[in-house]
C-alpha atoms as a PDB file:
ATOM      1  CA  MET A   1     131.725 100.301  67.389  1.00  0.00           C
ATOM      2  CA  LEU A   2     132.783  99.466  70.956  1.00  0.00           C
ATOM      3  CA  GLU A   3     132.338 101.677  73.994  1.00  0.00           C
ATOM      4  CA  ILE A   4     133.431 100.523  77.433  1.00  0.00           C
ATOM      5  CA  LYS A   5     132.470 102.787  80.313  1.00  0.00           C
ATOM      6  CA  ASN A   6     134.191 102.471  83.677  1.00  0.00           C
ATOM      7  CA  ILE A   7     133.956  98.683  84.045  1.00  0.00           C
ATOM      8  CA  HIS A   8     135.050  96.881  87.199  1.00  0.00           C
ATOM      9  CA  LYS A   9     135.488  93.179  87.895  1.00  0.00           C
ATOM     10  CA  THR A  10     136.566  91.593  91.188  1.00  0.00           C
ATOM     11  CA  PHE A  11     137.071  87.859  91.620  1.00  0.00           C
ATOM     12  CA  ASN A  12     136.545  86.163  95.013  1.00  0.00           C
ATOM     13  CA  PRO A  13     135.425  89.384  96.745  1.00  0.00           C
ATOM     14  CA  GLY A  14     135.779  89.467 100.516  1.00  0.00           C
ATOM     15  CA  THR A  15     138.198  86.531 100.631  1.00  0.00           C
ATOM     16  CA  ILE A  16     141.953  86.177 100.968  1.00  0.00           C
ATOM     17  CA  ASN A  17     142.038  85.476  97.203  1.00  0.00           C
ATOM     18  CA  GLU A  18     140.276  88.721  96.270  1.00  0.00           C
ATOM     19  CA  LYS A  19     141.562  90.036  92.940  1.00  0.00           C
ATOM     20  CA  HIS A  20     140.572  93.336  91.322  1.00  0.00           C
ATOM     21  CA  ALA A  21     140.992  92.299  87.696  1.00  0.00           C
ATOM     22  CA  LEU A  22     139.450  95.393  86.106  1.00  0.00           C
ATOM     23  CA  ASN A  23     139.585  98.764  87.834  1.00  0.00           C
ATOM     24  CA  GLY A  24     137.515 101.363  86.043  1.00  0.00           C
ATOM     25  CA  VAL A  25     138.477 100.537  82.438  1.00  0.00           C
ATOM     26  CA  SER A  26     137.082 102.898  79.806  1.00  0.00           C
ATOM     27  CA  LEU A  27     137.793 102.415  76.120  1.00  0.00           C
ATOM     28  CA  THR A  28     136.263 103.477  72.797  1.00  0.00           C
ATOM     29  CA  LEU A  29     136.973 101.769  69.462  1.00  0.00           C
ATOM     30  CA  ASP A  30     135.911 103.448  66.235  1.00  0.00           C
ATOM     31  CA  ASP A  31     134.565 101.405  63.345  1.00  0.00           C
ATOM     32  CA  GLY A  32     137.507  99.641  61.680  1.00  0.00           C
ATOM     33  CA  ASP A  33     140.000 100.152  64.521  1.00  0.00           C
ATOM     34  CA  PHE A  34     142.544  97.342  64.965  1.00  0.00           C
ATOM     35  CA  VAL A  35     143.792  97.613  68.540  1.00  0.00           C
ATOM     36  CA  THR A  36     146.567  95.487  70.035  1.00  0.00           C
ATOM     37  CA  VAL A  37     146.605  94.978  73.814  1.00  0.00           C
ATOM     38  CA  ILE A  38     149.735  94.202  75.803  1.00  0.00           C
ATOM     39  CA  GLY A  39     150.613  94.008  79.497  1.00  0.00           C
ATOM     40  CA  GLY A  40     152.262  91.865  82.141  1.00  0.00           C
ATOM     41  CA  ASN A  41     150.806  88.801  83.833  1.00  0.00           C
ATOM     42  CA  GLY A  42     147.601  89.668  85.677  1.00  0.00           C
ATOM     43  CA  ALA A  43     147.266  93.021  83.911  1.00  0.00           C
ATOM     44  CA  GLY A  44     143.609  92.320  83.049  1.00  0.00           C
ATOM     45  CA  LYS A  45     143.949  91.700  79.300  1.00  0.00           C
ATOM     46  CA  SER A  46     142.040  88.416  79.069  1.00  0.00           C
ATOM     47  CA  THR A  47     139.539  89.535  81.701  1.00  0.00           C
ATOM     48  CA  LEU A  48     138.769  92.534  79.497  1.00  0.00           C
ATOM     49  CA  LEU A  49     138.048  90.300  76.496  1.00  0.00           C
ATOM     50  CA  ASN A  50     135.988  87.912  78.627  1.00  0.00           C
ATOM     51  CA  ALA A  51     133.983  90.853  79.970  1.00  0.00           C
ATOM     52  CA  ILE A  52     133.254  92.072  76.438  1.00  0.00           C
ATOM     53  CA  ALA A  53     132.270  88.557  75.338  1.00  0.00           C
ATOM     54  CA  GLY A  54     130.046  88.036  78.389  1.00  0.00           C
ATOM     55  CA  THR A  55     132.063  85.142  79.832  1.00  0.00           C
ATOM     56  CA  TRP A  56     132.304  87.222  82.998  1.00  0.00           C
ATOM     57  CA  GLN A  57     129.582  89.680  84.013  1.00  0.00           C
ATOM     58  CA  VAL A  58     131.102  92.976  85.164  1.00  0.00           C
ATOM     59  CA  ASP A  59     130.392  94.314  88.656  1.00  0.00           C
ATOM     60  CA  GLU A  60     129.979  97.884  87.466  1.00  0.00           C
ATOM     61  CA  GLY A  61     130.019  99.909  84.259  1.00  0.00           C
ATOM     62  CA  ASN A  62     128.655  99.452  80.740  1.00  0.00           C
ATOM     63  CA  ILE A  63     129.673  97.684  77.535  1.00  0.00           C
ATOM     64  CA  ILE A  64     128.136  98.991  74.306  1.00  0.00           C
ATOM     65  CA  ILE A  65     128.618  97.343  70.906  1.00  0.00           C
ATOM     66  CA  ASP A  66     127.487  99.306  67.843  1.00  0.00           C
ATOM     67  CA  GLY A  67     125.115 101.385  69.964  1.00  0.00           C
ATOM     68  CA  ILE A  68     123.600  98.374  71.769  1.00  0.00           C
ATOM     69  CA  ASP A  69     124.162  98.068  75.526  1.00  0.00           C
ATOM     70  CA  VAL A  70     125.100  94.400  76.014  1.00  0.00           C
ATOM     71  CA  THR A  71     126.197  94.699  79.661  1.00  0.00           C
ATOM     72  CA  LYS A  72     123.423  92.491  80.992  1.00  0.00           C
ATOM     73  CA  LEU A  73     123.224  90.106  78.030  1.00  0.00           C
ATOM     74  CA  PRO A  74     124.469  86.519  78.546  1.00  0.00           C
ATOM     75  CA  GLU A  75     127.374  85.216  76.501  1.00  0.00           C
ATOM     76  CA  TYR A  76     125.248  83.345  73.941  1.00  0.00           C
ATOM     77  CA  ARG A  77     123.217  86.503  73.160  1.00  0.00           C
ATOM     78  CA  ARG A  78     126.354  88.562  72.580  1.00  0.00           C
ATOM     79  CA  ALA A  79     127.744  85.948  70.194  1.00  0.00           C
ATOM     80  CA  ARG A  80     125.725  87.409  67.306  1.00  0.00           C
ATOM     81  CA  TYR A  81     127.865  90.565  67.465  1.00  0.00           C
ATOM     82  CA  LEU A  82     131.236  88.932  68.035  1.00  0.00           C
ATOM     83  CA  GLY A  83     133.834  86.726  66.411  1.00  0.00           C
ATOM     84  CA  ARG A  84     136.428  85.205  68.715  1.00  0.00           C
ATOM     85  CA  VAL A  85     139.652  83.225  68.393  1.00  0.00           C
ATOM     86  CA  PHE A  86     141.164  81.676  71.525  1.00  0.00           C
ATOM     87  CA  GLN A  87     144.768  80.921  72.418  1.00  0.00           C
ATOM     88  CA  ASP A  88     144.247  77.151  72.189  1.00  0.00           C
ATOM     89  CA  PRO A  89     143.833  76.066  68.527  1.00  0.00           C
ATOM     90  CA  MET A  90     141.643  73.179  69.698  1.00  0.00           C
ATOM     91  CA  ASN A  91     138.909  75.491  71.056  1.00  0.00           C
ATOM     92  CA  GLY A  92     137.578  77.059  67.882  1.00  0.00           C
ATOM     93  CA  THR A  93     136.724  74.059  65.716  1.00  0.00           C
ATOM     94  CA  ALA A  94     134.899  70.712  65.894  1.00  0.00           C
ATOM     95  CA  ALA A  95     137.633  68.081  65.495  1.00  0.00           C
ATOM     96  CA  THR A  96     135.371  65.210  64.384  1.00  0.00           C
ATOM     97  CA  MET A  97     133.710  67.254  61.628  1.00  0.00           C
ATOM     98  CA  GLU A  98     134.976  68.047  58.149  1.00  0.00           C
ATOM     99  CA  ILE A  99     136.513  71.393  57.186  1.00  0.00           C
ATOM    100  CA  GLN A 100     133.468  72.218  55.063  1.00  0.00           C
ATOM    101  CA  GLU A 101     131.111  71.266  57.904  1.00  0.00           C
ATOM    102  CA  ASN A 102     132.931  73.585  60.302  1.00  0.00           C
ATOM    103  CA  LEU A 103     132.631  76.420  57.796  1.00  0.00           C
ATOM    104  CA  ALA A 104     128.955  75.649  57.267  1.00  0.00           C
ATOM    105  CA  LEU A 105     128.333  75.890  61.019  1.00  0.00           C
ATOM    106  CA  ALA A 106     130.063  79.270  61.096  1.00  0.00           C
ATOM    107  CA  LYS A 107     128.053  80.507  58.119  1.00  0.00           C
ATOM    108  CA  ARG A 108     124.760  79.460  59.711  1.00  0.00           C
ATOM    109  CA  ARG A 109     125.453  81.064  63.081  1.00  0.00           C
ATOM    110  CA  GLY A 110     122.385  82.947  64.243  1.00  0.00           C
ATOM    111  CA  LYS A 111     120.136  81.416  61.603  1.00  0.00           C
ATOM    112  CA  ILE A 112     117.257  79.003  62.030  1.00  0.00           C
ATOM    113  CA  ARG A 113     118.399  75.445  61.229  1.00  0.00           C
ATOM    114  CA  THR A 114     116.319  73.226  58.928  1.00  0.00           C
ATOM    115  CA  LEU A 115     116.375  69.655  57.632  1.00  0.00           C
ATOM    116  CA  LEU A 116     117.469  70.707  54.150  1.00  0.00           C
ATOM    117  CA  PRO A 117     120.680  69.189  52.723  1.00  0.00           C
ATOM    118  CA  GLY A 118     123.653  70.385  54.757  1.00  0.00           C
ATOM    119  CA  ILE A 119     126.069  71.844  52.194  1.00  0.00           C
ATOM    120  CA  SER A 120     125.201  72.771  48.605  1.00  0.00           C
ATOM    121  CA  GLY A 121     127.559  72.631  45.653  1.00  0.00           C
ATOM    122  CA  LYS A 122     127.501  76.430  45.520  1.00  0.00           C
ATOM    123  CA  GLU A 123     128.610  76.600  49.149  1.00  0.00           C
ATOM    124  CA  LYS A 124     131.482  74.199  48.519  1.00  0.00           C
ATOM    125  CA  GLU A 125     132.809  76.481  45.787  1.00  0.00           C
ATOM    126  CA  GLU A 126     132.410  79.448  48.117  1.00  0.00           C
ATOM    127  CA  TYR A 127     134.382  77.657  50.854  1.00  0.00           C
ATOM    128  CA  LYS A 128     137.161  76.763  48.414  1.00  0.00           C
ATOM    129  CA  GLU A 129     137.560  80.430  47.525  1.00  0.00           C
ATOM    130  CA  LEU A 130     137.534  81.432  51.201  1.00  0.00           C
ATOM    131  CA  LEU A 131     140.202  78.872  52.093  1.00  0.00           C
ATOM    132  CA  LYS A 132     142.528  80.076  49.351  1.00  0.00           C
ATOM    133  CA  ILE A 133     143.264  83.199  51.377  1.00  0.00           C
ATOM    134  CA  LEU A 134     144.967  81.011  53.998  1.00  0.00           C
ATOM    135  CA  ASP A 135     147.452  79.669  51.423  1.00  0.00           C
ATOM    136  CA  LEU A 136     147.615  76.339  53.263  1.00  0.00           C
ATOM    137  CA  GLY A 137     146.187  74.055  50.588  1.00  0.00           C
ATOM    138  CA  LEU A 138     142.999  73.441  52.600  1.00  0.00           C
ATOM    139  CA  GLU A 139     140.786  74.343  49.636  1.00  0.00           C
ATOM    140  CA  SER A 140     141.543  70.884  48.204  1.00  0.00           C
ATOM    141  CA  ARG A 141     140.771  69.136  51.507  1.00  0.00           C
ATOM    142  CA  LEU A 142     137.166  70.163  52.188  1.00  0.00           C
ATOM    143  CA  THR A 143     136.159  66.714  53.411  1.00  0.00           C
ATOM    144  CA  ALA A 144     139.186  66.209  55.703  1.00  0.00           C
ATOM    145  CA  LYS A 145     138.449  65.919  59.424  1.00  0.00           C
ATOM    146  CA  VAL A 146     139.626  69.023  61.264  1.00  0.00           C
ATOM    147  CA  GLY A 147     141.218  66.845  63.944  1.00  0.00           C
ATOM    148  CA  LEU A 148     143.808  65.779  61.358  1.00  0.00           C
ATOM    149  CA  LEU A 149     145.043  69.353  60.823  1.00  0.00           C
ATOM    150  CA  SER A 150     148.049  70.913  62.535  1.00  0.00           C
ATOM    151  CA  GLY A 151     147.566  73.488  65.279  1.00  0.00           C
ATOM    152  CA  GLY A 152     148.431  76.316  62.904  1.00  0.00           C
ATOM    153  CA  GLN A 153     146.003  75.074  60.250  1.00  0.00           C
ATOM    154  CA  ARG A 154     143.233  74.784  62.841  1.00  0.00           C
ATOM    155  CA  GLN A 155     143.920  78.275  64.164  1.00  0.00           C
ATOM    156  CA  ALA A 156     143.871  79.735  60.648  1.00  0.00           C
ATOM    157  CA  LEU A 157     140.573  77.943  60.005  1.00  0.00           C
ATOM    158  CA  THR A 158     139.181  79.255  63.310  1.00  0.00           C
ATOM    159  CA  LEU A 159     140.125  82.783  62.278  1.00  0.00           C
ATOM    160  CA  LEU A 160     138.326  82.309  58.974  1.00  0.00           C
ATOM    161  CA  MET A 161     135.243  80.963  60.763  1.00  0.00           C
ATOM    162  CA  ALA A 162     135.228  83.781  63.343  1.00  0.00           C
ATOM    163  CA  SER A 163     135.288  86.426  60.609  1.00  0.00           C
ATOM    164  CA  LEU A 164     132.973  84.667  58.143  1.00  0.00           C
ATOM    165  CA  LYS A 165     129.829  86.551  59.221  1.00  0.00           C
ATOM    166  CA  LYS A 166     131.713  89.879  59.428  1.00  0.00           C
ATOM    167  CA  PRO A 167     131.153  90.402  63.174  1.00  0.00           C
ATOM    168  CA  LYS A 168     130.741  93.834  64.723  1.00  0.00           C
ATOM    169  CA  LEU A 169     133.846  93.080  66.781  1.00  0.00           C
ATOM    170  CA  LEU A 170     136.609  90.481  66.354  1.00  0.00           C
ATOM    171  CA  LEU A 171     138.302  89.361  69.596  1.00  0.00           C
ATOM    172  CA  LEU A 172     141.710  87.679  69.323  1.00  0.00           C
ATOM    173  CA  ASP A 173     142.949  86.307  72.651  1.00  0.00           C
ATOM    174  CA  GLU A 174     146.676  85.592  72.138  1.00  0.00           C
ATOM    175  CA  HIS A 175     145.642  83.570  69.103  1.00  0.00           C
ATOM    176  CA  THR A 176     149.234  82.884  67.998  1.00  0.00           C
ATOM    177  CA  ALA A 177     150.787  82.194  71.422  1.00  0.00           C
ATOM    178  CA  ALA A 178     150.586  78.397  71.104  1.00  0.00           C
ATOM    179  CA  LEU A 179     152.110  78.325  67.600  1.00  0.00           C
ATOM    180  CA  ASP A 180     155.706  78.090  66.441  1.00  0.00           C
ATOM    181  CA  PRO A 181     157.187  81.402  65.170  1.00  0.00           C
ATOM    182  CA  LYS A 182     156.828  80.602  61.461  1.00  0.00           C
ATOM    183  CA  THR A 183     153.210  79.465  61.801  1.00  0.00           C
ATOM    184  CA  ALA A 184     152.397  82.404  64.099  1.00  0.00           C
ATOM    185  CA  ALA A 185     153.729  84.828  61.480  1.00  0.00           C
ATOM    186  CA  LYS A 186     151.531  83.180  58.838  1.00  0.00           C
ATOM    187  CA  VAL A 187     148.402  83.413  61.014  1.00  0.00           C
ATOM    188  CA  LEU A 188     149.150  87.076  61.788  1.00  0.00           C
ATOM    189  CA  GLU A 189     149.605  87.796  58.082  1.00  0.00           C
ATOM    190  CA  THR A 190     146.218  86.197  57.431  1.00  0.00           C
ATOM    191  CA  THR A 191     144.739  88.210  60.303  1.00  0.00           C
ATOM    192  CA  ASP A 192     145.945  91.467  58.726  1.00  0.00           C
ATOM    193  CA  THR A 193     144.519  90.445  55.346  1.00  0.00           C
ATOM    194  CA  ILE A 194     141.061  89.518  56.686  1.00  0.00           C
ATOM    195  CA  VAL A 195     140.787  92.528  59.006  1.00  0.00           C
ATOM    196  CA  ALA A 196     141.774  94.932  56.211  1.00  0.00           C
ATOM    197  CA  ARG A 197     139.579  93.245  53.600  1.00  0.00           C
ATOM    198  CA  ASP A 198     136.414  93.393  55.714  1.00  0.00           C
ATOM    199  CA  SER A 199     137.309  96.537  57.740  1.00  0.00           C
ATOM    200  CA  LEU A 200     136.722  94.562  60.936  1.00  0.00           C
ATOM    201  CA  THR A 201     136.912  96.329  64.278  1.00  0.00           C
ATOM    202  CA  THR A 202     139.430  94.173  66.132  1.00  0.00           C
ATOM    203  CA  LEU A 203     140.862  93.808  69.628  1.00  0.00           C
ATOM    204  CA  MET A 204     143.956  91.586  69.732  1.00  0.00           C
ATOM    205  CA  ILE A 205     145.771  90.529  72.909  1.00  0.00           C
ATOM    206  CA  THR A 206     149.396  89.574  72.425  1.00  0.00           C
ATOM    207  CA  HIS A 207     152.380  88.891  74.676  1.00  0.00           C
ATOM    208  CA  ASN A 208     154.753  89.791  71.853  1.00  0.00           C
ATOM    209  CA  MET A 209     155.788  93.450  71.913  1.00  0.00           C
ATOM    210  CA  ARG A 210     157.024  93.416  68.310  1.00  0.00           C
ATOM    211  CA  ASP A 211     153.691  92.019  67.128  1.00  0.00           C
ATOM    212  CA  ALA A 212     151.822  94.610  69.192  1.00  0.00           C
ATOM    213  CA  ILE A 213     153.783  97.358  67.449  1.00  0.00           C
ATOM    214  CA  ALA A 214     153.717  95.851  63.939  1.00  0.00           C
ATOM    215  CA  HIS A 215     150.003  95.105  63.725  1.00  0.00           C
ATOM    216  CA  GLY A 216     146.971  97.338  63.991  1.00  0.00           C
ATOM    217  CA  ASN A 217     146.561 101.113  64.041  1.00  0.00           C
ATOM    218  CA  ARG A 218     146.453 101.488  67.829  1.00  0.00           C
ATOM    219  CA  LEU A 219     148.160  99.980  70.883  1.00  0.00           C
ATOM    220  CA  ILE A 220     147.069  99.979  74.512  1.00  0.00           C
ATOM    221  CA  MET A 221     149.016  98.726  77.514  1.00  0.00           C
ATOM    222  CA  MET A 222     147.355  97.463  80.692  1.00  0.00           C
ATOM    223  CA  MET A 223     148.569  97.115  84.266  1.00  0.00           C
ATOM    224  CA  ASN A 224     146.655  96.188  87.434  1.00  0.00           C
ATOM    225  CA  GLY A 225     143.333  96.218  85.623  1.00  0.00           C
ATOM    226  CA  LYS A 226     143.808  99.679  84.129  1.00  0.00           C
ATOM    227  CA  ILE A 227     144.841 101.126  80.778  1.00  0.00           C
ATOM    228  CA  ILE A 228     148.091 102.990  81.401  1.00  0.00           C
ATOM    229  CA  PHE A 229     149.166 103.753  77.840  1.00  0.00           C
ATOM    230  CA  ASP A 230     147.236 104.368  74.603  1.00  0.00           C
ATOM    231  CA  ILE A 231     148.948 105.286  71.333  1.00  0.00           C
ATOM    232  CA  LYS A 232     147.820 105.260  67.700  1.00  0.00           C
ATOM    233  CA  GLY A 233     148.497 106.425  64.169  1.00  0.00           C
ATOM    234  CA  GLU A 234     151.915 107.762  63.194  1.00  0.00           C
ATOM    235  CA  GLU A 235     153.121 107.750  66.808  1.00  0.00           C
ATOM    236  CA  LYS A 236     152.496 104.015  67.048  1.00  0.00           C
ATOM    237  CA  LYS A 237     154.326 103.339  63.772  1.00  0.00           C
ATOM    238  CA  LYS A 238     157.457 104.984  65.166  1.00  0.00           C
ATOM    239  CA  LEU A 239     157.471 102.885  68.361  1.00  0.00           C
ATOM    240  CA  THR A 240     160.255 100.446  69.193  1.00  0.00           C
ATOM    241  CA  VAL A 241     160.286  97.744  71.869  1.00  0.00           C
ATOM    242  CA  GLU A 242     162.717  99.917  73.850  1.00  0.00           C
ATOM    243  CA  ASP A 243     160.293 102.867  73.623  1.00  0.00           C
ATOM    244  CA  LEU A 244     157.478 100.663  74.872  1.00  0.00           C
ATOM    245  CA  LEU A 245     159.503  99.381  77.832  1.00  0.00           C
ATOM    246  CA  HIS A 246     160.594 102.900  78.736  1.00  0.00           C
ATOM    247  CA  LYS A 247     157.028 104.191  78.525  1.00  0.00           C
ATOM    248  CA  PHE A 248     155.813 101.378  80.766  1.00  0.00           C
ATOM    249  CA  GLU A 249     158.476 102.150  83.378  1.00  0.00           C
ATOM    250  CA  THR A 250     157.712 105.885  83.218  1.00  0.00           C
ATOM    251  CA  VAL A 251     153.960 105.483  83.621  1.00  0.00           C
ATOM    252  CA  SER A 252     153.965 102.608  86.143  1.00  0.00           C
ATOM    253  CA  GLY A 253     157.112 103.421  88.114  1.00  0.00           C
ATOM    254  CA  GLU A 254     158.390  99.837  87.807  1.00  0.00           C
ATOM    255  CA  GLU A 255     160.041  97.499  85.342  1.00  0.00           C
ATOM    256  CA  PHE A 256     158.027  95.428  82.882  1.00  0.00           C
ATOM    257  CA  ALA A 257     158.026  91.936  84.411  1.00  0.00           C
ATOM    258  CA  ASN A 258     156.857  89.464  81.814  1.00  0.00           C
ATOM    259  CA  ASP A 259     159.558  87.063  80.629  1.00  0.00           C
ATOM    260  CA  LYS A 260     157.350  85.758  77.823  1.00  0.00           C
ATOM    261  CA  ALA A 261     156.925  89.223  76.335  1.00  0.00           C
ATOM    262  CA  LEU A 262     160.555  90.236  76.806  1.00  0.00           C
ATOM    263  CA  LEU A 263     161.923  87.040  75.263  1.00  0.00           C
ATOM    264  CA  SER A 264     159.626  87.448  72.273  1.00  0.00           C
END
């Protein structure tokens, strides 16, 4: 479903601020894979997701989604293949619009818009059923403005919107990092439910080592723009945070230096 071949990305080349963010990353995700990505600050995690989404054009290499080479496609053209949830809960929804209007926009993504009535009665019932999976009581608040929701409610709604059209690839960029622990756990539980229900191929960045181990069927660790560790299946299930730290130190030759991840 996703094939990344030897991609490179350098910011500010030829200047004192030159930064090699991606250094020959290659990665293949099978259909239905749920991969968690972890690494220290500046490891290249978010740059990798931005490269896949087309936010940054890579300097070298290829990105292939479901057999289609999207390397040269702009971000808006890749959007038809992708669902994405950002770290900031405010980024994925339109605050001044109703919950049902946000869902309607997500449902109509990629379609030709017309002047027909915006939301039918049938759609409202469909949205109520969709919202029930969140277990947040939003199914009874279809007409509420999204700006009135909490950060956790907005992020859960964003997740629902991002997965509504069953994208080829779901990108989750530290989508629980800005939430309190209880709300983050709820959003992750919903993530697992939606990904499993629709067999979505998913790439999730997290700073939380326990979450990286607990969720998904595969884990990769990045450092200095490279993948230094890749584990899946039964081996991943047996991992502990201590194992992960030890593996990082063995492969990289240095200690894992990310207070946010360690404290989590």
